């Protein structure tokens, strides 16, 4: 599977979005959306990217079937 999506840390996702990890947490909490502990699943990554926009480093098409 060439474009296999992987779990990412909150720090990685925050860096992609250009925000601090605590800012990401606060923004999600304001929407009553808490992430499970541990790394962030591709499904949750898609939710975050759909909400805040896909970073240039992330290919939107990779998340099409998630």
PDB file of N, CA and C in Angstrom:
ATOM      1  N   UNK A   1       0.844  -1.171   0.000  1.00  0.00           N
ATOM      2  CA  UNK A   1       0.000   0.000   0.000  1.00  0.00           C
ATOM      3  C   UNK A   1       0.893   1.239   0.000  1.00  0.00           C
ATOM      4  N   UNK A   2       0.913   1.958  -1.090  1.00  0.00           N
ATOM      5  CA  UNK A   2       1.847   3.062  -1.272  1.00  0.00           C
ATOM      6  C   UNK A   2       1.534   4.259  -0.378  1.00  0.00           C
ATOM      7  N   UNK A   3       0.288   4.679  -0.311  1.00  0.00           N
ATOM      8  CA  UNK A   3      -0.099   5.871   0.441  1.00  0.00           C
ATOM      9  C   UNK A   3      -0.712   5.526   1.794  1.00  0.00           C
ATOM     10  N   UNK A   4      -0.153   4.530   2.468  1.00  0.00           N
ATOM     11  CA  UNK A   4      -0.689   4.135   3.766  1.00  0.00           C
ATOM     12  C   UNK A   4      -0.558   5.287   4.751  1.00  0.00           C
ATOM     13  N   UNK A   5      -1.671   5.644   5.367  1.00  0.00           N
ATOM     14  CA  UNK A   5      -1.661   6.724   6.350  1.00  0.00           C
ATOM     15  C   UNK A   5      -1.192   6.181   7.684  1.00  0.00           C
ATOM     16  N   UNK A   6      -0.493   7.012   8.404  1.00  0.00           N
ATOM     17  CA  UNK A   6       0.051   6.605   9.698  1.00  0.00           C
ATOM     18  C   UNK A   6      -0.496   7.481  10.799  1.00  0.00           C
ATOM     19  N   UNK A   7      -0.452   6.964  11.997  1.00  0.00           N
ATOM     20  CA  UNK A   7      -0.803   7.752  13.164  1.00  0.00           C
ATOM     21  C   UNK A   7       0.241   8.853  13.324  1.00  0.00           C
ATOM     22  N   UNK A   8      -0.182  10.017  13.795  1.00  0.00           N
ATOM     23  CA  UNK A   8       0.727  11.137  14.023  1.00  0.00           C
ATOM     24  C   UNK A   8       0.543  11.637  15.449  1.00  0.00           C
ATOM     25  N   UNK A   9       1.565  12.304  15.945  1.00  0.00           N
ATOM     26  CA  UNK A   9       1.447  12.916  17.264  1.00  0.00           C
ATOM     27  C   UNK A   9       0.713  14.248  17.136  1.00  0.00           C
ATOM     28  N   UNK A  10       0.189  14.715  18.245  1.00  0.00           N
ATOM     29  CA  UNK A  10      -0.460  16.031  18.260  1.00  0.00           C
ATOM     30  C   UNK A  10       0.548  17.122  17.889  1.00  0.00           C
ATOM     31  N   UNK A  11       1.780  16.915  18.313  1.00  0.00           N
ATOM     32  CA  UNK A  11       2.838  17.878  18.013  1.00  0.00           C
ATOM     33  C   UNK A  11       3.089  17.956  16.504  1.00  0.00           C
ATOM     34  N   UNK A  12       3.090  16.822  15.822  1.00  0.00           N
ATOM     35  CA  UNK A  12       3.284  16.809  14.373  1.00  0.00           C
ATOM     36  C   UNK A  12       2.145  17.543  13.661  1.00  0.00           C
ATOM     37  N   UNK A  13       0.922  17.260  14.050  1.00  0.00           N
ATOM     38  CA  UNK A  13      -0.235  17.896  13.414  1.00  0.00           C
ATOM     39  C   UNK A  13      -0.231  19.390  13.688  1.00  0.00           C
ATOM     40  N   UNK A  14       0.074  19.772  14.914  1.00  0.00           N
ATOM     41  CA  UNK A  14       0.133  21.194  15.261  1.00  0.00           C
ATOM     42  C   UNK A  14       1.189  21.911  14.435  1.00  0.00           C
ATOM     43  N   UNK A  15       2.335  21.277  14.266  1.00  0.00           N
ATOM     44  CA  UNK A  15       3.408  21.882  13.471  1.00  0.00           C
ATOM     45  C   UNK A  15       2.970  22.054  12.016  1.00  0.00           C
ATOM     46  N   UNK A  16       2.276  21.064  11.482  1.00  0.00           N
ATOM     47  CA  UNK A  16       1.776  21.171  10.111  1.00  0.00           C
ATOM     48  C   UNK A  16       0.813  22.347   9.961  1.00  0.00           C
ATOM     49  N   UNK A  17       0.003  22.582  10.996  1.00  0.00           N
ATOM     50  CA  UNK A  17      -0.988  23.662  10.957  1.00  0.00           C
ATOM     51  C   UNK A  17      -0.403  25.005  11.381  1.00  0.00           C
ATOM     52  N   UNK A  18       0.815  24.981  11.934  1.00  0.00           N
ATOM     53  CA  UNK A  18       1.463  26.215  12.363  1.00  0.00           C
ATOM     54  C   UNK A  18       0.915  26.772  13.662  1.00  0.00           C
ATOM     55  N   UNK A  19       0.443  25.872  14.532  1.00  0.00           N
ATOM     56  CA  UNK A  19      -0.084  26.290  15.837  1.00  0.00           C
ATOM     57  C   UNK A  19       0.565  25.458  16.932  1.00  0.00           C
ATOM     58  N   UNK A  20       0.413  25.893  18.170  1.00  0.00           N
ATOM     59  CA  UNK A  20       0.946  25.165  19.319  1.00  0.00           C
ATOM     60  C   UNK A  20       0.004  24.004  19.650  1.00  0.00           C
ATOM     61  N   UNK A  21       0.534  22.888  20.143  1.00  0.00           N
ATOM     62  CA  UNK A  21      -0.333  21.759  20.497  1.00  0.00           C
ATOM     63  C   UNK A  21      -1.453  22.117  21.476  1.00  0.00           C
ATOM     64  N   UNK A  22      -1.179  23.003  22.420  1.00  0.00           N
ATOM     65  CA  UNK A  22      -2.239  23.375  23.366  1.00  0.00           C
ATOM     66  C   UNK A  22      -3.334  24.189  22.677  1.00  0.00           C
ATOM     67  N   UNK A  23      -2.968  24.937  21.644  1.00  0.00           N
ATOM     68  CA  UNK A  23      -3.968  25.682  20.872  1.00  0.00           C
ATOM     69  C   UNK A  23      -4.881  24.710  20.136  1.00  0.00           C
ATOM     70  N   UNK A  24      -4.310  23.680  19.561  1.00  0.00           N
ATOM     71  CA  UNK A  24      -5.107  22.656  18.891  1.00  0.00           C
ATOM     72  C   UNK A  24      -6.068  22.016  19.887  1.00  0.00           C
ATOM     73  N   UNK A  25      -5.563  21.671  21.053  1.00  0.00           N
ATOM     74  CA  UNK A  25      -6.401  21.050  22.078  1.00  0.00           C
ATOM     75  C   UNK A  25      -7.551  21.965  22.489  1.00  0.00           C
ATOM     76  N   UNK A  26      -7.251  23.248  22.708  1.00  0.00           N
ATOM     77  CA  UNK A  26      -8.297  24.203  23.106  1.00  0.00           C
ATOM     78  C   UNK A  26      -9.346  24.372  22.013  1.00  0.00           C
ATOM     79  N   UNK A  27      -8.899  24.454  20.782  1.00  0.00           N
ATOM     80  CA  UNK A  27      -9.848  24.622  19.668  1.00  0.00           C
ATOM     81  C   UNK A  27     -10.766  23.413  19.534  1.00  0.00           C
ATOM     82  N   UNK A  28     -10.209  22.234  19.694  1.00  0.00           N
ATOM     83  CA  UNK A  28     -11.032  21.028  19.618  1.00  0.00           C
ATOM     84  C   UNK A  28     -11.971  20.934  20.815  1.00  0.00           C
ATOM     85  N   UNK A  29     -11.483  21.303  21.974  1.00  0.00           N
ATOM     86  CA  UNK A  29     -12.319  21.276  23.169  1.00  0.00           C
ATOM     87  C   UNK A  29     -13.492  22.245  23.032  1.00  0.00           C
ATOM     88  N   UNK A  30     -13.266  23.398  22.406  1.00  0.00           N
ATOM     89  CA  UNK A  30     -14.334  24.380  22.195  1.00  0.00           C
ATOM     90  C   UNK A  30     -15.449  23.800  21.323  1.00  0.00           C
ATOM     91  N   UNK A  31     -15.114  22.807  20.512  1.00  0.00           N
ATOM     92  CA  UNK A  31     -16.100  22.134  19.661  1.00  0.00           C
ATOM     93  C   UNK A  31     -16.640  20.862  20.311  1.00  0.00           C
ATOM     94  N   UNK A  32     -16.322  20.674  21.597  1.00  0.00           N
ATOM     95  CA  UNK A  32     -16.691  19.462  22.335  1.00  0.00           C
ATOM     96  C   UNK A  32     -16.131  18.210  21.668  1.00  0.00           C
ATOM     97  N   UNK A  33     -14.933  18.325  21.139  1.00  0.00           N
ATOM     98  CA  UNK A  33     -14.266  17.198  20.485  1.00  0.00           C
ATOM     99  C   UNK A  33     -12.932  16.966  21.180  1.00  0.00           C
ATOM    100  N   UNK A  34     -12.839  15.881  21.895  1.00  0.00           N
ATOM    101  CA  UNK A  34     -11.593  15.506  22.566  1.00  0.00           C
ATOM    102  C   UNK A  34     -10.965  14.352  21.789  1.00  0.00           C
ATOM    103  N   UNK A  35      -9.665  14.403  21.627  1.00  0.00           N
ATOM    104  CA  UNK A  35      -8.958  13.304  20.983  1.00  0.00           C
ATOM    105  C   UNK A  35      -8.623  12.243  22.020  1.00  0.00           C
ATOM    106  N   UNK A  36      -8.671  10.978  21.633  1.00  0.00           N
ATOM    107  CA  UNK A  36      -8.255   9.932  22.564  1.00  0.00           C
ATOM    108  C   UNK A  36      -6.776  10.087  22.909  1.00  0.00           C
ATOM    109  N   UNK A  37      -6.366   9.505  24.011  1.00  0.00           N
ATOM    110  CA  UNK A  37      -4.961   9.575  24.394  1.00  0.00           C
ATOM    111  C   UNK A  37      -4.118   8.820  23.369  1.00  0.00           C
ATOM    112  N   UNK A  38      -2.857   9.172  23.305  1.00  0.00           N
ATOM    113  CA  UNK A  38      -1.951   8.531  22.358  1.00  0.00           C
ATOM    114  C   UNK A  38      -1.911   9.279  21.040  1.00  0.00           C
ATOM    115  N   UNK A  39      -1.374   8.618  20.043  1.00  0.00           N
ATOM    116  CA  UNK A  39      -1.241   9.237  18.726  1.00  0.00           C
ATOM    117  C   UNK A  39      -2.605   9.415  18.059  1.00  0.00           C
ATOM    118  N   UNK A  40      -2.642  10.318  17.095  1.00  0.00           N
ATOM    119  CA  UNK A  40      -3.888  10.684  16.424  1.00  0.00           C
ATOM    120  C   UNK A  40      -4.086   9.786  15.200  1.00  0.00           C
ATOM    121  N   UNK A  41      -5.247   9.156  15.127  1.00  0.00           N
ATOM    122  CA  UNK A  41      -5.553   8.246  14.024  1.00  0.00           C
ATOM    123  C   UNK A  41      -5.793   9.022  12.729  1.00  0.00           C
ATOM    124  N   UNK A  42      -5.653   8.354  11.587  1.00  0.00           N
ATOM    125  CA  UNK A  42      -5.950   9.020  10.315  1.00  0.00           C
ATOM    126  C   UNK A  42      -7.379   9.576  10.262  1.00  0.00           C
ATOM    127  N   UNK A  43      -8.329   8.888  10.884  1.00  0.00           N
ATOM    128  CA  UNK A  43      -9.718   9.371  10.912  1.00  0.00           C
ATOM    129  C   UNK A  43      -9.805  10.713  11.641  1.00  0.00           C
ATOM    130  N   UNK A  44      -9.150  10.815  12.795  1.00  0.00           N
ATOM    131  CA  UNK A  44      -9.146  12.071  13.548  1.00  0.00           C
ATOM    132  C   UNK A  44      -8.327  13.142  12.833  1.00  0.00           C
ATOM    133  N   UNK A  45      -7.268  12.730  12.147  1.00  0.00           N
ATOM    134  CA  UNK A  45      -6.480  13.686  11.361  1.00  0.00           C
ATOM    135  C   UNK A  45      -7.353  14.313  10.286  1.00  0.00           C
ATOM    136  N   UNK A  46      -8.145  13.487   9.619  1.00  0.00           N
ATOM    137  CA  UNK A  46      -9.030  14.000   8.571  1.00  0.00           C
ATOM    138  C   UNK A  46     -10.004  15.016   9.152  1.00  0.00           C
ATOM    139  N   UNK A  47     -10.569  14.720  10.323  1.00  0.00           N
ATOM    140  CA  UNK A  47     -11.488  15.653  10.971  1.00  0.00           C
ATOM    141  C   UNK A  47     -10.800  16.997  11.203  1.00  0.00           C
ATOM    142  N   UNK A  48      -9.597  16.961  11.730  1.00  0.00           N
ATOM    143  CA  UNK A  48      -8.847  18.189  12.021  1.00  0.00           C
ATOM    144  C   UNK A  48      -8.540  18.944  10.731  1.00  0.00           C
ATOM    145  N   UNK A  49      -8.073  18.232   9.718  1.00  0.00           N
ATOM    146  CA  UNK A  49      -7.717  18.886   8.456  1.00  0.00           C
ATOM    147  C   UNK A  49      -8.944  19.446   7.739  1.00  0.00           C
ATOM    148  N   UNK A  50     -10.070  18.740   7.818  1.00  0.00           N
ATOM    149  CA  UNK A  50     -11.298  19.253   7.202  1.00  0.00           C
ATOM    150  C   UNK A  50     -11.753  20.524   7.915  1.00  0.00           C
ATOM    151  N   UNK A  51     -11.515  20.583   9.196  1.00  0.00           N
ATOM    152  CA  UNK A  51     -11.933  21.727  10.000  1.00  0.00           C
ATOM    153  C   UNK A  51     -11.029  22.942   9.796  1.00  0.00           C
ATOM    154  N   UNK A  52      -9.722  22.729   9.790  1.00  0.00           N
ATOM    155  CA  UNK A  52      -8.759  23.836   9.752  1.00  0.00           C
ATOM    156  C   UNK A  52      -8.018  23.979   8.428  1.00  0.00           C
ATOM    157  N   UNK A  53      -8.295  23.094   7.494  1.00  0.00           N
ATOM    158  CA  UNK A  53      -7.634  23.158   6.198  1.00  0.00           C
ATOM    159  C   UNK A  53      -6.453  22.202   6.126  1.00  0.00           C
ATOM    160  N   UNK A  54      -6.255  21.659   4.958  1.00  0.00           N
ATOM    161  CA  UNK A  54      -5.142  20.731   4.748  1.00  0.00           C
ATOM    162  C   UNK A  54      -3.850  21.515   4.558  1.00  0.00           C
ATOM    163  N   UNK A  55      -2.819  21.189   5.336  1.00  0.00           N
ATOM    164  CA  UNK A  55      -1.520  21.843   5.139  1.00  0.00           C
ATOM    165  C   UNK A  55      -0.945  21.462   3.772  1.00  0.00           C
ATOM    166  N   UNK A  56      -0.035  22.270   3.277  1.00  0.00           N
ATOM    167  CA  UNK A  56       0.590  21.989   1.976  1.00  0.00           C
ATOM    168  C   UNK A  56       1.337  20.660   1.979  1.00  0.00           C
ATOM    169  N   UNK A  57       1.822  20.256   3.146  1.00  0.00           N
ATOM    170  CA  UNK A  57       2.595  19.018   3.243  1.00  0.00           C
ATOM    171  C   UNK A  57       1.717  17.769   3.263  1.00  0.00           C
ATOM    172  N   UNK A  58       0.398  17.946   3.310  1.00  0.00           N
ATOM    173  CA  UNK A  58      -0.531  16.821   3.398  1.00  0.00           C
ATOM    174  C   UNK A  58      -1.350  16.745   2.114  1.00  0.00           C
ATOM    175  N   UNK A  59      -1.394  15.559   1.524  1.00  0.00           N
ATOM    176  CA  UNK A  59      -2.169  15.348   0.305  1.00  0.00           C
ATOM    177  C   UNK A  59      -3.612  15.005   0.676  1.00  0.00           C
ATOM    178  N   UNK A  60      -4.528  15.876   0.322  1.00  0.00           N
ATOM    179  CA  UNK A  60      -5.945  15.691   0.651  1.00  0.00           C
ATOM    180  C   UNK A  60      -6.493  14.383   0.087  1.00  0.00           C
ATOM    181  N   UNK A  61      -6.045  13.994  -1.089  1.00  0.00           N
ATOM    182  CA  UNK A  61      -6.542  12.770  -1.723  1.00  0.00           C
ATOM    183  C   UNK A  61      -6.211  11.518  -0.917  1.00  0.00           C
ATOM    184  N   UNK A  62      -5.155  11.560  -0.120  1.00  0.00           N
ATOM    185  CA  UNK A  62      -4.800  10.409   0.711  1.00  0.00           C
ATOM    186  C   UNK A  62      -5.882  10.114   1.744  1.00  0.00           C
ATOM    187  N   UNK A  63      -6.666  11.118   2.106  1.00  0.00           N
ATOM    188  CA  UNK A  63      -7.688  10.970   3.142  1.00  0.00           C
ATOM    189  C   UNK A  63      -9.081  10.741   2.563  1.00  0.00           C
ATOM    190  N   UNK A  64      -9.165  10.556   1.260  1.00  0.00           N
ATOM    191  CA  UNK A  64     -10.458  10.425   0.590  1.00  0.00           C
ATOM    192  C   UNK A  64     -11.278   9.251   1.124  1.00  0.00           C
ATOM    193  N   UNK A  65     -10.648   8.132   1.389  1.00  0.00           N
ATOM    194  CA  UNK A  65     -11.368   6.921   1.804  1.00  0.00           C
ATOM    195  C   UNK A  65     -11.284   6.639   3.297  1.00  0.00           C
ATOM    196  N   UNK A  66     -10.941   7.635   4.069  1.00  0.00           N
ATOM    197  CA  UNK A  66     -10.821   7.435   5.522  1.00  0.00           C
ATOM    198  C   UNK A  66     -12.166   7.666   6.162  1.00  0.00           C
TER     199      UNK A  66
END
